[in-house]
Amino acid sequence: MQMQDIIRERLEAAFDPARLEVVNESAKHAGHAGDDGSGESHWHVAMTSAAFAGQGRVARHRMVHAALGDVMARIHALSLDLSEGE
């Protein structure tokens, strides 16, 4: 299973998002620090979920990191755009 599918699956299971975009940005960082050559090291996630209601930015980020669990060890960079939704 590709990393993009793993990320999507775990976030859908944990947050039942109204919107979820998982974008592989690894090609933008080829040859830079943190590029492990896998083509799956740099990610951007945009997600809207009611699970974020009442949570601050840091708490939301922690929730995503917890949901991804052991996958985080295989990710060099993860940018997050998280918002609460219905």
PDB file of N, CA and C in Angstrom:
ATOM      1  N   MET A   1       0.847  -1.178   0.000  1.00  0.00           N
ATOM      2  CA  MET A   1       0.000   0.000   0.000  1.00  0.00           C
ATOM      3  C   MET A   1       0.892   1.241   0.000  1.00  0.00           C
ATOM      4  N   GLN A   2       0.536   2.227  -0.811  1.00  0.00           N
ATOM      5  CA  GLN A   2       1.317   3.448  -0.884  1.00  0.00           C
ATOM      6  C   GLN A   2       1.038   4.335   0.327  1.00  0.00           C
ATOM      7  N   MET A   3       2.017   5.168   0.657  1.00  0.00           N
ATOM      8  CA  MET A   3       1.904   6.047   1.819  1.00  0.00           C
ATOM      9  C   MET A   3       0.655   6.934   1.736  1.00  0.00           C
ATOM     10  N   GLN A   4       0.346   7.448   0.562  1.00  0.00           N
ATOM     11  CA  GLN A   4      -0.821   8.316   0.412  1.00  0.00           C
ATOM     12  C   GLN A   4      -2.096   7.579   0.820  1.00  0.00           C
ATOM     13  N   ASP A   5      -2.205   6.328   0.451  1.00  0.00           N
ATOM     14  CA  ASP A   5      -3.372   5.525   0.811  1.00  0.00           C
ATOM     15  C   ASP A   5      -3.424   5.246   2.313  1.00  0.00           C
ATOM     16  N   ILE A   6      -2.268   5.001   2.894  1.00  0.00           N
ATOM     17  CA  ILE A   6      -2.197   4.751   4.341  1.00  0.00           C
ATOM     18  C   ILE A   6      -2.628   5.992   5.115  1.00  0.00           C
ATOM     19  N   ILE A   7      -2.083   7.144   4.721  1.00  0.00           N
ATOM     20  CA  ILE A   7      -2.439   8.396   5.391  1.00  0.00           C
ATOM     21  C   ILE A   7      -3.936   8.636   5.279  1.00  0.00           C
ATOM     22  N   ARG A   8      -4.458   8.527   4.074  1.00  0.00           N
ATOM     23  CA  ARG A   8      -5.894   8.765   3.839  1.00  0.00           C
ATOM     24  C   ARG A   8      -6.748   7.805   4.682  1.00  0.00           C
ATOM     25  N   GLU A   9      -6.405   6.537   4.673  1.00  0.00           N
ATOM     26  CA  GLU A   9      -7.172   5.534   5.407  1.00  0.00           C
ATOM     27  C   GLU A   9      -7.205   5.828   6.904  1.00  0.00           C
ATOM     28  N   ARG A  10      -6.053   6.147   7.471  1.00  0.00           N
ATOM     29  CA  ARG A  10      -5.987   6.397   8.915  1.00  0.00           C
ATOM     30  C   ARG A  10      -6.732   7.664   9.302  1.00  0.00           C
ATOM     31  N   LEU A  11      -6.611   8.712   8.481  1.00  0.00           N
ATOM     32  CA  LEU A  11      -7.292   9.964   8.808  1.00  0.00           C
ATOM     33  C   LEU A  11      -8.800   9.845   8.629  1.00  0.00           C
ATOM     34  N   GLU A  12      -9.238   9.131   7.621  1.00  0.00           N
ATOM     35  CA  GLU A  12     -10.674   8.909   7.440  1.00  0.00           C
ATOM     36  C   GLU A  12     -11.250   8.129   8.615  1.00  0.00           C
ATOM     37  N   ALA A  13     -10.530   7.122   9.069  1.00  0.00           N
ATOM     38  CA  ALA A  13     -10.996   6.302  10.193  1.00  0.00           C
ATOM     39  C   ALA A  13     -11.053   7.108  11.498  1.00  0.00           C
ATOM     40  N   ALA A  14     -10.081   7.974  11.703  1.00  0.00           N
ATOM     41  CA  ALA A  14      -9.992   8.708  12.963  1.00  0.00           C
ATOM     42  C   ALA A  14     -10.898   9.942  13.014  1.00  0.00           C
ATOM     43  N   PHE A  15     -11.120  10.589  11.863  1.00  0.00           N
ATOM     44  CA  PHE A  15     -11.782  11.896  11.888  1.00  0.00           C
ATOM     45  C   PHE A  15     -13.072  12.003  11.081  1.00  0.00           C
ATOM     46  N   ASP A  16     -13.415  11.011  10.285  1.00  0.00           N
ATOM     47  CA  ASP A  16     -14.601  11.089   9.437  1.00  0.00           C
ATOM     48  C   ASP A  16     -14.708  12.481   8.816  1.00  0.00           C
ATOM     49  N   PRO A  17     -13.694  12.883   8.060  1.00  0.00           N
ATOM     50  CA  PRO A  17     -13.634  14.266   7.577  1.00  0.00           C
ATOM     51  C   PRO A  17     -14.689  14.609   6.528  1.00  0.00           C
ATOM     52  N   ALA A  18     -15.128  15.860   6.572  1.00  0.00           N
ATOM     53  CA  ALA A  18     -16.018  16.390   5.545  1.00  0.00           C
ATOM     54  C   ALA A  18     -15.205  16.675   4.283  1.00  0.00           C
ATOM     55  N   ARG A  19     -13.926  16.986   4.469  1.00  0.00           N
ATOM     56  CA  ARG A  19     -13.006  17.246   3.356  1.00  0.00           C
ATOM     57  C   ARG A  19     -11.642  16.690   3.739  1.00  0.00           C
ATOM     58  N   LEU A  20     -11.006  16.012   2.800  1.00  0.00           N
ATOM     59  CA  LEU A  20      -9.664  15.480   3.038  1.00  0.00           C
ATOM     60  C   LEU A  20      -8.881  15.486   1.739  1.00  0.00           C
ATOM     61  N   GLU A  21      -7.771  16.201   1.755  1.00  0.00           N
ATOM     62  CA  GLU A  21      -6.849  16.222   0.629  1.00  0.00           C
ATOM     63  C   GLU A  21      -5.488  15.776   1.145  1.00  0.00           C
ATOM     64  N   VAL A  22      -4.913  14.788   0.499  1.00  0.00           N
ATOM     65  CA  VAL A  22      -3.580  14.302   0.846  1.00  0.00           C
ATOM     66  C   VAL A  22      -2.721  14.475  -0.399  1.00  0.00           C
ATOM     67  N   VAL A  23      -1.739  15.376  -0.313  1.00  0.00           N
ATOM     68  CA  VAL A  23      -0.927  15.723  -1.468  1.00  0.00           C
ATOM     69  C   VAL A  23       0.529  15.344  -1.222  1.00  0.00           C
ATOM     70  N   ASN A  24       1.076  14.567  -2.134  1.00  0.00           N
ATOM     71  CA  ASN A  24       2.487  14.191  -2.064  1.00  0.00           C
ATOM     72  C   ASN A  24       3.313  15.327  -2.654  1.00  0.00           C
ATOM     73  N   GLU A  25       4.109  15.990  -1.826  1.00  0.00           N
ATOM     74  CA  GLU A  25       4.945  17.108  -2.263  1.00  0.00           C
ATOM     75  C   GLU A  25       6.418  16.715  -2.333  1.00  0.00           C
ATOM     76  N   SER A  26       6.700  15.432  -2.319  1.00  0.00           N
ATOM     77  CA  SER A  26       8.076  14.945  -2.276  1.00  0.00           C
ATOM     78  C   SER A  26       8.899  15.394  -3.474  1.00  0.00           C
ATOM     79  N   ALA A  27       8.295  15.458  -4.644  1.00  0.00           N
ATOM     80  CA  ALA A  27       9.042  15.841  -5.847  1.00  0.00           C
ATOM     81  C   ALA A  27       9.619  17.245  -5.730  1.00  0.00           C
ATOM     82  N   LYS A  28       8.957  18.112  -4.988  1.00  0.00           N
ATOM     83  CA  LYS A  28       9.444  19.483  -4.779  1.00  0.00           C
ATOM     84  C   LYS A  28      10.730  19.502  -3.948  1.00  0.00           C
ATOM     85  N   HIS A  29      10.990  18.421  -3.247  1.00  0.00           N
ATOM     86  CA  HIS A  29      12.108  18.371  -2.302  1.00  0.00           C
ATOM     87  C   HIS A  29      13.179  17.348  -2.696  1.00  0.00           C
ATOM     88  N   ALA A  30      13.113  16.855  -3.900  1.00  0.00           N
ATOM     89  CA  ALA A  30      14.089  15.859  -4.369  1.00  0.00           C
ATOM     90  C   ALA A  30      15.504  16.410  -4.235  1.00  0.00           C
ATOM     91  N   GLY A  31      16.358  15.631  -3.615  1.00  0.00           N
ATOM     92  CA  GLY A  31      17.745  16.032  -3.432  1.00  0.00           C
ATOM     93  C   GLY A  31      17.998  16.903  -2.218  1.00  0.00           C
ATOM     94  N   HIS A  32      16.946  17.327  -1.540  1.00  0.00           N
ATOM     95  CA  HIS A  32      17.096  18.163  -0.346  1.00  0.00           C
ATOM     96  C   HIS A  32      17.219  17.278   0.890  1.00  0.00           C
ATOM     97  N   ALA A  33      17.544  17.907   1.994  1.00  0.00           N
ATOM     98  CA  ALA A  33      17.614  17.182   3.259  1.00  0.00           C
ATOM     99  C   ALA A  33      16.267  16.530   3.543  1.00  0.00           C
ATOM    100  N   GLY A  34      16.304  15.320   3.987  1.00  0.00           N
ATOM    101  CA  GLY A  34      15.085  14.595   4.312  1.00  0.00           C
ATOM    102  C   GLY A  34      14.523  13.788   3.160  1.00  0.00           C
ATOM    103  N   ASP A  35      15.040  14.001   1.953  1.00  0.00           N
ATOM    104  CA  ASP A  35      14.603  13.203   0.811  1.00  0.00           C
ATOM    105  C   ASP A  35      15.291  11.852   0.906  1.00  0.00           C
ATOM    106  N   ASP A  36      14.494  10.820   1.160  1.00  0.00           N
ATOM    107  CA  ASP A  36      15.069   9.481   1.319  1.00  0.00           C
ATOM    108  C   ASP A  36      15.068   8.697   0.010  1.00  0.00           C
ATOM    109  N   GLY A  37      14.642   9.345  -1.070  1.00  0.00           N
ATOM    110  CA  GLY A  37      14.634   8.688  -2.367  1.00  0.00           C
ATOM    111  C   GLY A  37      13.393   7.851  -2.626  1.00  0.00           C
ATOM    112  N   SER A  38      12.500   7.764  -1.650  1.00  0.00           N
ATOM    113  CA  SER A  38      11.298   6.943  -1.798  1.00  0.00           C
ATOM    114  C   SER A  38      10.212   7.646  -2.605  1.00  0.00           C
ATOM    115  N   GLY A  39      10.298   8.967  -2.683  1.00  0.00           N
ATOM    116  CA  GLY A  39       9.241   9.734  -3.323  1.00  0.00           C
ATOM    117  C   GLY A  39       8.009   9.866  -2.445  1.00  0.00           C
ATOM    118  N   GLU A  40       8.154   9.515  -1.171  1.00  0.00           N
ATOM    119  CA  GLU A  40       7.032   9.569  -0.228  1.00  0.00           C
ATOM    120  C   GLU A  40       7.463  10.131   1.124  1.00  0.00           C
ATOM    121  N   SER A  41       8.198  11.236   1.098  1.00  0.00           N
ATOM    122  CA  SER A  41       8.755  11.777   2.334  1.00  0.00           C
ATOM    123  C   SER A  41       8.127  13.097   2.771  1.00  0.00           C
ATOM    124  N   HIS A  42       7.517  13.837   1.842  1.00  0.00           N
ATOM    125  CA  HIS A  42       6.978  15.163   2.137  1.00  0.00           C
ATOM    126  C   HIS A  42       5.493  15.200   1.754  1.00  0.00           C
ATOM    127  N   TRP A  43       4.647  15.595   2.719  1.00  0.00           N
ATOM    128  CA  TRP A  43       3.208  15.537   2.522  1.00  0.00           C
ATOM    129  C   TRP A  43       2.512  16.804   2.978  1.00  0.00           C
ATOM    130  N   HIS A  44       1.395  17.103   2.331  1.00  0.00           N
ATOM    131  CA  HIS A  44       0.509  18.179   2.762  1.00  0.00           C
ATOM    132  C   HIS A  44      -0.876  17.578   2.930  1.00  0.00           C
ATOM    133  N   VAL A  45      -1.497  17.855   4.074  1.00  0.00           N
ATOM    134  CA  VAL A  45      -2.853  17.381   4.344  1.00  0.00           C
ATOM    135  C   VAL A  45      -3.730  18.590   4.646  1.00  0.00           C
ATOM    136  N   ALA A  46      -4.838  18.684   3.923  1.00  0.00           N
ATOM    137  CA  ALA A  46      -5.877  19.676   4.210  1.00  0.00           C
ATOM    138  C   ALA A  46      -7.115  18.886   4.610  1.00  0.00           C
ATOM    139  N   MET A  47      -7.632  19.191   5.794  1.00  0.00           N
ATOM    140  CA  MET A  47      -8.749  18.396   6.292  1.00  0.00           C
ATOM    141  C   MET A  47      -9.711  19.265   7.100  1.00  0.00           C
ATOM    142  N   THR A  48     -10.994  19.002   6.910  1.00  0.00           N
ATOM    143  CA  THR A  48     -12.050  19.630   7.689  1.00  0.00           C
ATOM    144  C   THR A  48     -12.800  18.513   8.403  1.00  0.00           C
ATOM    145  N   SER A  49     -12.928  18.660   9.726  1.00  0.00           N
ATOM    146  CA  SER A  49     -13.589  17.624  10.511  1.00  0.00           C
ATOM    147  C   SER A  49     -14.230  18.230  11.757  1.00  0.00           C
ATOM    148  N   ALA A  50     -15.404  17.732  12.084  1.00  0.00           N
ATOM    149  CA  ALA A  50     -16.077  18.154  13.312  1.00  0.00           C
ATOM    150  C   ALA A  50     -15.263  17.764  14.551  1.00  0.00           C
ATOM    151  N   ALA A  51     -14.380  16.800  14.407  1.00  0.00           N
ATOM    152  CA  ALA A  51     -13.546  16.354  15.532  1.00  0.00           C
ATOM    153  C   ALA A  51     -12.619  17.455  16.038  1.00  0.00           C
ATOM    154  N   PHE A  52     -12.400  18.479  15.220  1.00  0.00           N
ATOM    155  CA  PHE A  52     -11.507  19.565  15.608  1.00  0.00           C
ATOM    156  C   PHE A  52     -12.220  20.695  16.347  1.00  0.00           C
ATOM    157  N   ALA A  53     -13.521  20.596  16.497  1.00  0.00           N
ATOM    158  CA  ALA A  53     -14.292  21.645  17.170  1.00  0.00           C
ATOM    159  C   ALA A  53     -13.743  21.907  18.568  1.00  0.00           C
ATOM    160  N   GLY A  54     -13.496  23.151  18.860  1.00  0.00           N
ATOM    161  CA  GLY A  54     -13.014  23.553  20.177  1.00  0.00           C
ATOM    162  C   GLY A  54     -11.546  23.279  20.430  1.00  0.00           C
ATOM    163  N   GLN A  55     -10.841  22.751  19.448  1.00  0.00           N
ATOM    164  CA  GLN A  55      -9.417  22.429  19.604  1.00  0.00           C
ATOM    165  C   GLN A  55      -8.559  23.513  18.960  1.00  0.00           C
ATOM    166  N   GLY A  56      -7.487  23.885  19.613  1.00  0.00           N
ATOM    167  CA  GLY A  56      -6.543  24.844  19.055  1.00  0.00           C
ATOM    168  C   GLY A  56      -5.657  24.181  18.007  1.00  0.00           C
ATOM    169  N   ARG A  57      -4.834  24.990  17.348  1.00  0.00           N
ATOM    170  CA  ARG A  57      -3.964  24.502  16.274  1.00  0.00           C
ATOM    171  C   ARG A  57      -3.039  23.391  16.739  1.00  0.00           C
ATOM    172  N   VAL A  58      -2.378  23.573  17.860  1.00  0.00           N
ATOM    173  CA  VAL A  58      -1.432  22.562  18.348  1.00  0.00           C
ATOM    174  C   VAL A  58      -2.155  21.263  18.699  1.00  0.00           C
ATOM    175  N   ALA A  59      -3.305  21.366  19.333  1.00  0.00           N
ATOM    176  CA  ALA A  59      -4.075  20.170  19.689  1.00  0.00           C
ATOM    177  C   ALA A  59      -4.509  19.414  18.432  1.00  0.00           C
ATOM    178  N   ARG A  60      -4.923  20.134  17.408  1.00  0.00           N
ATOM    179  CA  ARG A  60      -5.323  19.496  16.151  1.00  0.00           C
ATOM    180  C   ARG A  60      -4.153  18.751  15.518  1.00  0.00           C
ATOM    181  N   HIS A  61      -2.995  19.389  15.514  1.00  0.00           N
ATOM    182  CA  HIS A  61      -1.804  18.747  14.951  1.00  0.00           C
ATOM    183  C   HIS A  61      -1.460  17.486  15.736  1.00  0.00           C
ATOM    184  N   ARG A  62      -1.547  17.559  17.044  1.00  0.00           N
ATOM    185  CA  ARG A  62      -1.260  16.381  17.879  1.00  0.00           C
ATOM    186  C   ARG A  62      -2.241  15.253  17.589  1.00  0.00           C
ATOM    187  N   MET A  63      -3.498  15.603  17.353  1.00  0.00           N
ATOM    188  CA  MET A  63      -4.514  14.596  17.042  1.00  0.00           C
ATOM    189  C   MET A  63      -4.173  13.870  15.740  1.00  0.00           C
ATOM    190  N   VAL A  64      -3.738  14.616  14.748  1.00  0.00           N
ATOM    191  CA  VAL A  64      -3.372  14.014  13.463  1.00  0.00           C
ATOM    192  C   VAL A  64      -2.143  13.128  13.629  1.00  0.00           C
ATOM    193  N   HIS A  65      -1.133  13.624  14.328  1.00  0.00           N
ATOM    194  CA  HIS A  65       0.079  12.828  14.546  1.00  0.00           C
ATOM    195  C   HIS A  65      -0.264  11.527  15.273  1.00  0.00           C
ATOM    196  N   ALA A  66      -1.141  11.604  16.263  1.00  0.00           N
ATOM    197  CA  ALA A  66      -1.540  10.402  17.001  1.00  0.00           C
ATOM    198  C   ALA A  66      -2.274   9.421  16.082  1.00  0.00           C
ATOM    199  N   ALA A  67      -3.145   9.942  15.230  1.00  0.00           N
ATOM    200  CA  ALA A  67      -3.899   9.076  14.319  1.00  0.00           C
ATOM    201  C   ALA A  67      -2.970   8.384  13.315  1.00  0.00           C
ATOM    202  N   LEU A  68      -1.921   9.072  12.902  1.00  0.00           N
ATOM    203  CA  LEU A  68      -0.983   8.476  11.945  1.00  0.00           C
ATOM    204  C   LEU A  68      -0.041   7.489  12.629  1.00  0.00           C
ATOM    205  N   GLY A  69       0.176   7.666  13.920  1.00  0.00           N
ATOM    206  CA  GLY A  69       0.960   6.717  14.702  1.00  0.00           C
ATOM    207  C   GLY A  69       2.326   6.410  14.123  1.00  0.00           C
ATOM    208  N   ASP A  70       2.610   5.133  13.914  1.00  0.00           N
ATOM    209  CA  ASP A  70       3.930   4.674  13.471  1.00  0.00           C
ATOM    210  C   ASP A  70       4.301   5.190  12.084  1.00  0.00           C
ATOM    211  N   VAL A  71       3.335   5.631  11.304  1.00  0.00           N
ATOM    212  CA  VAL A  71       3.617   6.164   9.970  1.00  0.00           C
ATOM    213  C   VAL A  71       4.451   7.445  10.062  1.00  0.00           C
ATOM    214  N   MET A  72       4.297   8.181  11.151  1.00  0.00           N
ATOM    215  CA  MET A  72       5.039   9.436  11.297  1.00  0.00           C
ATOM    216  C   MET A  72       6.558   9.223  11.218  1.00  0.00           C
ATOM    217  N   ALA A  73       7.035   8.066  11.620  1.00  0.00           N
ATOM    218  CA  ALA A  73       8.473   7.783  11.556  1.00  0.00           C
ATOM    219  C   ALA A  73       8.969   7.706  10.120  1.00  0.00           C
ATOM    220  N   ARG A  74       8.059   7.484   9.163  1.00  0.00           N
ATOM    221  CA  ARG A  74       8.438   7.366   7.754  1.00  0.00           C
ATOM    222  C   ARG A  74       8.212   8.668   6.976  1.00  0.00           C
ATOM    223  N   ILE A  75       7.716   9.696   7.664  1.00  0.00           N
ATOM    224  CA  ILE A  75       7.427  10.980   7.030  1.00  0.00           C
ATOM    225  C   ILE A  75       8.461  11.995   7.495  1.00  0.00           C
ATOM    226  N   HIS A  76       9.115  12.650   6.541  1.00  0.00           N
ATOM    227  CA  HIS A  76      10.091  13.680   6.913  1.00  0.00           C
ATOM    228  C   HIS A  76       9.399  15.007   7.191  1.00  0.00           C
ATOM    229  N   ALA A  77       8.430  15.377   6.353  1.00  0.00           N
ATOM    230  CA  ALA A  77       7.745  16.657   6.510  1.00  0.00           C
ATOM    231  C   ALA A  77       6.252  16.466   6.273  1.00  0.00           C
ATOM    232  N   LEU A  78       5.462  17.049   7.175  1.00  0.00           N
ATOM    233  CA  LEU A  78       4.014  16.975   7.069  1.00  0.00           C
ATOM    234  C   LEU A  78       3.437  18.360   7.371  1.00  0.00           C
ATOM    235  N   SER A  79       2.916  19.019   6.355  1.00  0.00           N
ATOM    236  CA  SER A  79       2.268  20.314   6.587  1.00  0.00           C
ATOM    237  C   SER A  79       0.772  20.054   6.697  1.00  0.00           C
ATOM    238  N   LEU A  80       0.146  20.758   7.635  1.00  0.00           N
ATOM    239  CA  LEU A  80      -1.260  20.515   7.943  1.00  0.00           C
ATOM    240  C   LEU A  80      -2.077  21.791   7.848  1.00  0.00           C
ATOM    241  N   ASP A  81      -3.199  21.703   7.186  1.00  0.00           N
ATOM    242  CA  ASP A  81      -4.186  22.782   7.123  1.00  0.00           C
ATOM    243  C   ASP A  81      -5.478  22.156   7.642  1.00  0.00           C
ATOM    244  N   LEU A  82      -5.777  22.401   8.925  1.00  0.00           N
ATOM    245  CA  LEU A  82      -6.875  21.707   9.606  1.00  0.00           C
ATOM    246  C   LEU A  82      -7.932  22.694  10.047  1.00  0.00           C
ATOM    247  N   SER A  83      -9.192  22.375   9.782  1.00  0.00           N
ATOM    248  CA  SER A  83     -10.274  23.243  10.196  1.00  0.00           C
ATOM    249  C   SER A  83     -11.430  22.401  10.719  1.00  0.00           C
ATOM    250  N   GLU A  84     -12.249  23.038  11.571  1.00  0.00           N
ATOM    251  CA  GLU A  84     -13.398  22.311  12.096  1.00  0.00           C
ATOM    252  C   GLU A  84     -14.551  22.449  11.110  1.00  0.00           C
ATOM    253  N   GLY A  85     -15.328  21.440  11.058  1.00  0.00           N
ATOM    254  CA  GLY A  85     -16.473  21.435  10.153  1.00  0.00           C
ATOM    255  C   GLY A  85     -17.631  20.749  10.801  1.00  0.00           C
ATOM    256  N   GLU A  86     -18.638  20.523  10.040  1.00  0.00           N
ATOM    257  CA  GLU A  86     -19.858  19.907  10.573  1.00  0.00           C
ATOM    258  C   GLU A  86     -19.845  18.419  10.426  1.00  0.00           C
TER     259      GLU A  86
END
